[in-house]
C-alpha atoms as a PDB file:
ATOM      1  CA  UNK A   1       0.000   0.000   0.000  1.00  0.00           C
ATOM      2  CA  UNK A   2       2.876   2.379   0.750  1.00  0.00           C
ATOM      3  CA  UNK A   3       4.244   1.824  -2.775  1.00  0.00           C
ATOM      4  CA  UNK A   4       0.852   2.869  -4.141  1.00  0.00           C
ATOM      5  CA  UNK A   5       0.951   6.162  -2.191  1.00  0.00           C
ATOM      6  CA  UNK A   6       4.507   6.889  -3.261  1.00  0.00           C
ATOM      7  CA  UNK A   7       3.685   6.140  -6.905  1.00  0.00           C
ATOM      8  CA  UNK A   8       0.583   8.344  -6.774  1.00  0.00           C
ATOM      9  CA  UNK A   9       2.530  11.323  -5.405  1.00  0.00           C
ATOM     10  CA  UNK A  10       5.331  10.814  -7.965  1.00  0.00           C
ATOM     11  CA  UNK A  11       2.815  10.629 -10.826  1.00  0.00           C
ATOM     12  CA  UNK A  12       1.092  13.811  -9.664  1.00  0.00           C
ATOM     13  CA  UNK A  13       4.428  15.654  -9.451  1.00  0.00           C
ATOM     14  CA  UNK A  14       5.564  14.569 -12.914  1.00  0.00           C
ATOM     15  CA  UNK A  15       2.184  15.412 -14.502  1.00  0.00           C
ATOM     16  CA  UNK A  16       2.119  18.825 -12.851  1.00  0.00           C
ATOM     17  CA  UNK A  17       5.686  19.658 -13.824  1.00  0.00           C
ATOM     18  CA  UNK A  18       5.030  18.649 -17.441  1.00  0.00           C
ATOM     19  CA  UNK A  19       1.988  20.947 -17.672  1.00  0.00           C
ATOM     20  CA  UNK A  20       3.443  23.938 -15.844  1.00  0.00           C
ATOM     21  CA  UNK A  21       4.552  26.807 -18.069  1.00  0.00           C
ATOM     22  CA  UNK A  22       5.878  28.969 -15.266  1.00  0.00           C
ATOM     23  CA  UNK A  23       7.113  27.827 -11.895  1.00  0.00           C
ATOM     24  CA  UNK A  24       9.109  29.054  -8.928  1.00  0.00           C
ATOM     25  CA  UNK A  25      11.316  27.156  -6.517  1.00  0.00           C
ATOM     26  CA  UNK A  26      13.016  27.948  -3.271  1.00  0.00           C
ATOM     27  CA  UNK A  27      14.080  26.995   0.225  1.00  0.00           C
ATOM     28  CA  UNK A  28      12.155  26.900   3.481  1.00  0.00           C
ATOM     29  CA  UNK A  29      12.616  25.984   7.106  1.00  0.00           C
ATOM     30  CA  UNK A  30      11.065  26.504  10.480  1.00  0.00           C
ATOM     31  CA  UNK A  31       9.643  25.186  13.718  1.00  0.00           C
ATOM     32  CA  UNK A  32       7.782  21.895  14.341  1.00  0.00           C
ATOM     33  CA  UNK A  33       5.492  20.902  17.183  1.00  0.00           C
ATOM     34  CA  UNK A  34       4.648  17.197  16.996  1.00  0.00           C
ATOM     35  CA  UNK A  35       3.034  14.280  18.764  1.00  0.00           C
ATOM     36  CA  UNK A  36       2.425  10.592  18.135  1.00  0.00           C
ATOM     37  CA  UNK A  37      -1.081   9.637  19.223  1.00  0.00           C
ATOM     38  CA  UNK A  38      -4.218   7.728  18.314  1.00  0.00           C
ATOM     39  CA  UNK A  39      -6.245   9.352  15.568  1.00  0.00           C
ATOM     40  CA  UNK A  40      -7.856  12.557  16.828  1.00  0.00           C
ATOM     41  CA  UNK A  41      -7.179  11.501  20.430  1.00  0.00           C
ATOM     42  CA  UNK A  42      -5.406  13.342  23.235  1.00  0.00           C
ATOM     43  CA  UNK A  43      -3.948  16.815  22.974  1.00  0.00           C
ATOM     44  CA  UNK A  44      -0.529  18.413  22.567  1.00  0.00           C
ATOM     45  CA  UNK A  45       0.380  17.992  26.259  1.00  0.00           C
ATOM     46  CA  UNK A  46       3.273  15.638  25.403  1.00  0.00           C
ATOM     47  CA  UNK A  47       4.420  17.468  22.282  1.00  0.00           C
ATOM     48  CA  UNK A  48       8.000  17.611  21.023  1.00  0.00           C
ATOM     49  CA  UNK A  49       9.619  20.698  19.512  1.00  0.00           C
ATOM     50  CA  UNK A  50      12.009  20.390  16.582  1.00  0.00           C
ATOM     51  CA  UNK A  51      12.711  21.911  13.163  1.00  0.00           C
ATOM     52  CA  UNK A  52      12.334  21.308   9.432  1.00  0.00           C
ATOM     53  CA  UNK A  53      14.345  22.455   6.405  1.00  0.00           C
ATOM     54  CA  UNK A  54      14.064  21.736   2.699  1.00  0.00           C
ATOM     55  CA  UNK A  55      13.099  22.678  -0.836  1.00  0.00           C
ATOM     56  CA  UNK A  56       9.793  23.883  -2.290  1.00  0.00           C
ATOM     57  CA  UNK A  57       8.388  24.471  -5.795  1.00  0.00           C
ATOM     58  CA  UNK A  58       5.160  26.071  -7.017  1.00  0.00           C
ATOM     59  CA  UNK A  59       3.506  25.334 -10.371  1.00  0.00           C
ATOM     60  CA  UNK A  60       0.811  27.924 -11.271  1.00  0.00           C
ATOM     61  CA  UNK A  61      -2.227  26.436 -13.011  1.00  0.00           C
ATOM     62  CA  UNK A  62      -4.507  29.467 -13.248  1.00  0.00           C
ATOM     63  CA  UNK A  63      -5.048  32.974 -11.938  1.00  0.00           C
ATOM     64  CA  UNK A  64      -5.877  31.918  -8.387  1.00  0.00           C
ATOM     65  CA  UNK A  65      -4.591  28.387  -7.938  1.00  0.00           C
ATOM     66  CA  UNK A  66      -1.470  26.290  -8.254  1.00  0.00           C
ATOM     67  CA  UNK A  67       0.205  23.071  -7.186  1.00  0.00           C
ATOM     68  CA  UNK A  68       2.922  23.291  -4.563  1.00  0.00           C
ATOM     69  CA  UNK A  69       5.337  20.436  -3.837  1.00  0.00           C
ATOM     70  CA  UNK A  70       8.111  20.221  -1.279  1.00  0.00           C
ATOM     71  CA  UNK A  71      10.727  17.820   0.046  1.00  0.00           C
ATOM     72  CA  UNK A  72      12.068  18.575   3.501  1.00  0.00           C
ATOM     73  CA  UNK A  73      13.783  17.034   6.504  1.00  0.00           C
ATOM     74  CA  UNK A  74      11.484  17.039   9.556  1.00  0.00           C
ATOM     75  CA  UNK A  75      12.339  16.138  13.143  1.00  0.00           C
ATOM     76  CA  UNK A  76       9.231  14.788  14.876  1.00  0.00           C
ATOM     77  CA  UNK A  77       8.210  12.608  17.840  1.00  0.00           C
ATOM     78  CA  UNK A  78       6.922  13.168  21.341  1.00  0.00           C
ATOM     79  CA  UNK A  79       8.046  13.420  24.950  1.00  0.00           C
ATOM     80  CA  UNK A  80       5.783  11.760  27.487  1.00  0.00           C
ATOM     81  CA  UNK A  81       5.677  10.701  31.095  1.00  0.00           C
ATOM     82  CA  UNK A  82       3.788   7.592  32.211  1.00  0.00           C
ATOM     83  CA  UNK A  83       3.994   5.542  35.392  1.00  0.00           C
ATOM     84  CA  UNK A  84       6.877   7.685  36.676  1.00  0.00           C
ATOM     85  CA  UNK A  85       8.985   7.064  33.570  1.00  0.00           C
ATOM     86  CA  UNK A  86       9.931   9.763  31.079  1.00  0.00           C
ATOM     87  CA  UNK A  87      10.138   8.541  27.506  1.00  0.00           C
ATOM     88  CA  UNK A  88      11.044  10.482  24.379  1.00  0.00           C
ATOM     89  CA  UNK A  89      10.460   9.296  20.818  1.00  0.00           C
ATOM     90  CA  UNK A  90      12.706  10.786  18.116  1.00  0.00           C
ATOM     91  CA  UNK A  91      11.510  10.413  14.511  1.00  0.00           C
ATOM     92  CA  UNK A  92      13.321  11.783  11.467  1.00  0.00           C
ATOM     93  CA  UNK A  93      11.458  11.972   8.143  1.00  0.00           C
ATOM     94  CA  UNK A  94      11.893  13.268   4.636  1.00  0.00           C
ATOM     95  CA  UNK A  95       8.380  14.613   4.055  1.00  0.00           C
ATOM     96  CA  UNK A  96       7.024  15.094   0.527  1.00  0.00           C
ATOM     97  CA  UNK A  97       3.739  17.041   0.528  1.00  0.00           C
ATOM     98  CA  UNK A  98       1.807  17.930  -2.643  1.00  0.00           C
ATOM     99  CA  UNK A  99      -0.594  20.805  -2.041  1.00  0.00           C
ATOM    100  CA  UNK A 100      -3.432  22.236  -4.030  1.00  0.00           C
ATOM    101  CA  UNK A 101      -2.994  25.952  -3.334  1.00  0.00           C
ATOM    102  CA  UNK A 102      -5.763  28.543  -3.747  1.00  0.00           C
ATOM    103  CA  UNK A 103      -5.126  32.305  -3.446  1.00  0.00           C
ATOM    104  CA  UNK A 104      -8.010  33.999  -1.617  1.00  0.00           C
ATOM    105  CA  UNK A 105      -6.471  37.428  -2.188  1.00  0.00           C
ATOM    106  CA  UNK A 106      -3.167  38.546  -3.626  1.00  0.00           C
ATOM    107  CA  UNK A 107      -0.538  36.844  -1.494  1.00  0.00           C
ATOM    108  CA  UNK A 108      -2.864  35.068   0.978  1.00  0.00           C
ATOM    109  CA  UNK A 109      -3.505  31.371   0.259  1.00  0.00           C
ATOM    110  CA  UNK A 110      -5.080  28.171   1.529  1.00  0.00           C
ATOM    111  CA  UNK A 111      -3.352  24.887   0.810  1.00  0.00           C
ATOM    112  CA  UNK A 112      -4.220  21.224   1.314  1.00  0.00           C
ATOM    113  CA  UNK A 113      -3.151  17.824   0.048  1.00  0.00           C
ATOM    114  CA  UNK A 114      -1.462  14.491   0.760  1.00  0.00           C
ATOM    115  CA  UNK A 115       1.990  13.934   2.225  1.00  0.00           C
ATOM    116  CA  UNK A 116       4.301  10.927   2.263  1.00  0.00           C
ATOM    117  CA  UNK A 117       6.836  10.799   5.106  1.00  0.00           C
ATOM    118  CA  UNK A 118       9.865   8.603   4.392  1.00  0.00           C
ATOM    119  CA  UNK A 119      11.336   7.432   7.709  1.00  0.00           C
ATOM    120  CA  UNK A 120      15.084   8.090   8.026  1.00  0.00           C
ATOM    121  CA  UNK A 121      15.433   6.811  11.597  1.00  0.00           C
ATOM    122  CA  UNK A 122      13.491   6.234  14.789  1.00  0.00           C
ATOM    123  CA  UNK A 123      14.870   6.157  18.317  1.00  0.00           C
ATOM    124  CA  UNK A 124      13.502   6.143  21.855  1.00  0.00           C
ATOM    125  CA  UNK A 125      15.013   7.017  25.215  1.00  0.00           C
ATOM    126  CA  UNK A 126      13.482   6.089  28.565  1.00  0.00           C
ATOM    127  CA  UNK A 127      15.064   8.823  30.696  1.00  0.00           C
ATOM    128  CA  UNK A 128      15.456  12.504  29.900  1.00  0.00           C
ATOM    129  CA  UNK A 129      18.597  12.998  27.784  1.00  0.00           C
ATOM    130  CA  UNK A 130      19.355   9.268  28.150  1.00  0.00           C
ATOM    131  CA  UNK A 131      20.789   6.832  25.629  1.00  0.00           C
ATOM    132  CA  UNK A 132      18.690   6.459  22.498  1.00  0.00           C
ATOM    133  CA  UNK A 133      17.706   2.975  21.351  1.00  0.00           C
ATOM    134  CA  UNK A 134      16.839   2.182  17.723  1.00  0.00           C
ATOM    135  CA  UNK A 135      13.163   1.379  17.156  1.00  0.00           C
ATOM    136  CA  UNK A 136      13.316   1.515  13.345  1.00  0.00           C
ATOM    137  CA  UNK A 137      12.038  -2.029  12.887  1.00  0.00           C
ATOM    138  CA  UNK A 138       8.863  -1.083  14.773  1.00  0.00           C
ATOM    139  CA  UNK A 139       8.122   2.229  13.030  1.00  0.00           C
ATOM    140  CA  UNK A 140       6.810   2.742   9.492  1.00  0.00           C
ATOM    141  CA  UNK A 141       6.973   5.549   6.993  1.00  0.00           C
ATOM    142  CA  UNK A 142       3.816   7.637   7.136  1.00  0.00           C
ATOM    143  CA  UNK A 143       1.044   8.980   4.951  1.00  0.00           C
ATOM    144  CA  UNK A 144      -0.767  12.124   6.093  1.00  0.00           C
ATOM    145  CA  UNK A 145      -3.360  14.691   5.089  1.00  0.00           C
ATOM    146  CA  UNK A 146      -2.092  18.254   5.347  1.00  0.00           C
ATOM    147  CA  UNK A 147      -3.587  21.710   5.243  1.00  0.00           C
ATOM    148  CA  UNK A 148      -2.792  25.271   6.163  1.00  0.00           C
ATOM    149  CA  UNK A 149      -2.465  28.950   5.357  1.00  0.00           C
ATOM    150  CA  UNK A 150       0.279  30.938   3.703  1.00  0.00           C
ATOM    151  CA  UNK A 151       1.260  34.430   2.674  1.00  0.00           C
ATOM    152  CA  UNK A 152       3.581  35.377  -0.210  1.00  0.00           C
ATOM    153  CA  UNK A 153       5.027  38.873   0.196  1.00  0.00           C
ATOM    154  CA  UNK A 154       5.621  39.344  -3.539  1.00  0.00           C
ATOM    155  CA  UNK A 155       9.410  39.719  -3.265  1.00  0.00           C
ATOM    156  CA  UNK A 156      10.102  35.962  -2.991  1.00  0.00           C
ATOM    157  CA  UNK A 157       9.696  35.828   0.793  1.00  0.00           C
ATOM    158  CA  UNK A 158       6.808  33.730   2.173  1.00  0.00           C
ATOM    159  CA  UNK A 159       5.466  32.355   5.440  1.00  0.00           C
ATOM    160  CA  UNK A 160       3.142  29.410   5.957  1.00  0.00           C
ATOM    161  CA  UNK A 161       1.595  27.346   8.701  1.00  0.00           C
ATOM    162  CA  UNK A 162       0.672  23.707   8.071  1.00  0.00           C
ATOM    163  CA  UNK A 163      -0.900  20.952  10.143  1.00  0.00           C
ATOM    164  CA  UNK A 164      -0.319  17.287   9.236  1.00  0.00           C
ATOM    165  CA  UNK A 165      -2.664  14.541  10.400  1.00  0.00           C
ATOM    166  CA  UNK A 166      -1.251  11.043   9.910  1.00  0.00           C
ATOM    167  CA  UNK A 167      -3.760   8.551   8.539  1.00  0.00           C
ATOM    168  CA  UNK A 168      -1.618   5.393   8.549  1.00  0.00           C
ATOM    169  CA  UNK A 169      -0.571   3.417  11.621  1.00  0.00           C
ATOM    170  CA  UNK A 170       3.007   4.360  12.468  1.00  0.00           C
ATOM    171  CA  UNK A 171       3.924   1.560  14.892  1.00  0.00           C
ATOM    172  CA  UNK A 172       4.154  -2.179  14.136  1.00  0.00           C
ATOM    173  CA  UNK A 173       3.113  -3.748  17.434  1.00  0.00           C
ATOM    174  CA  UNK A 174       0.582  -6.577  17.544  1.00  0.00           C
ATOM    175  CA  UNK A 175       0.293  -6.262  21.339  1.00  0.00           C
ATOM    176  CA  UNK A 176      -0.878  -2.645  21.090  1.00  0.00           C
ATOM    177  CA  UNK A 177      -4.447  -2.256  19.868  1.00  0.00           C
ATOM    178  CA  UNK A 178      -4.487   1.506  19.156  1.00  0.00           C
ATOM    179  CA  UNK A 179      -3.304   2.979  15.877  1.00  0.00           C
ATOM    180  CA  UNK A 180      -0.519   5.493  16.472  1.00  0.00           C
ATOM    181  CA  UNK A 181      -0.317   8.386  14.032  1.00  0.00           C
ATOM    182  CA  UNK A 182       1.825  11.472  13.685  1.00  0.00           C
ATOM    183  CA  UNK A 183       0.313  14.910  14.235  1.00  0.00           C
ATOM    184  CA  UNK A 184       2.629  17.800  13.429  1.00  0.00           C
ATOM    185  CA  UNK A 185       2.287  21.548  13.123  1.00  0.00           C
ATOM    186  CA  UNK A 186       4.872  23.350  10.957  1.00  0.00           C
ATOM    187  CA  UNK A 187       5.541  27.103  11.019  1.00  0.00           C
ATOM    188  CA  UNK A 188       7.730  27.920   7.996  1.00  0.00           C
ATOM    189  CA  UNK A 189       9.521  30.851   6.456  1.00  0.00           C
ATOM    190  CA  UNK A 190      11.132  30.664   3.064  1.00  0.00           C
ATOM    191  CA  UNK A 191      12.257  32.299  -0.116  1.00  0.00           C
ATOM    192  CA  UNK A 192      11.301  31.495  -3.741  1.00  0.00           C
ATOM    193  CA  UNK A 193      13.642  32.449  -6.578  1.00  0.00           C
END
């Protein structure tokens, strides 16, 4: 199923790039606030702060809308305390979102679309700042729905806020009945050439 998602995103990117007559590309980075939790459950009480950095491209398709694709490194996970034990999960992804972007006014936009998160590594520590153990064999790459708001200043500079809601189970554990999914908020600043 993961291969299907990856193929779908790749096909959409290639089709869009082939049709685009004018496009812009750039760099972006910013702040993450993330959590691993059951779908729509809990809150951000055990969130983990980190950062993201990567590349972005926009392919205009009309006066008010375009496709936007990115590939960026994203540090995610969560820090939680249960039964007197502090545990931190460290997840590193290369995220590839493809957004349908609609400009409500000049510069101000809404964006939404799918995202594939390719897992680079996964570790867990059971004490604060303790040794990190690999948990890569138990953690999957992810597929998420994303959406947010952005503003392009017209001189290449832009800001955007995005929320990702994972829709695939992240953890392979037959003893654990709940699906665990990533939930991440990104606050980005960038520049398009």
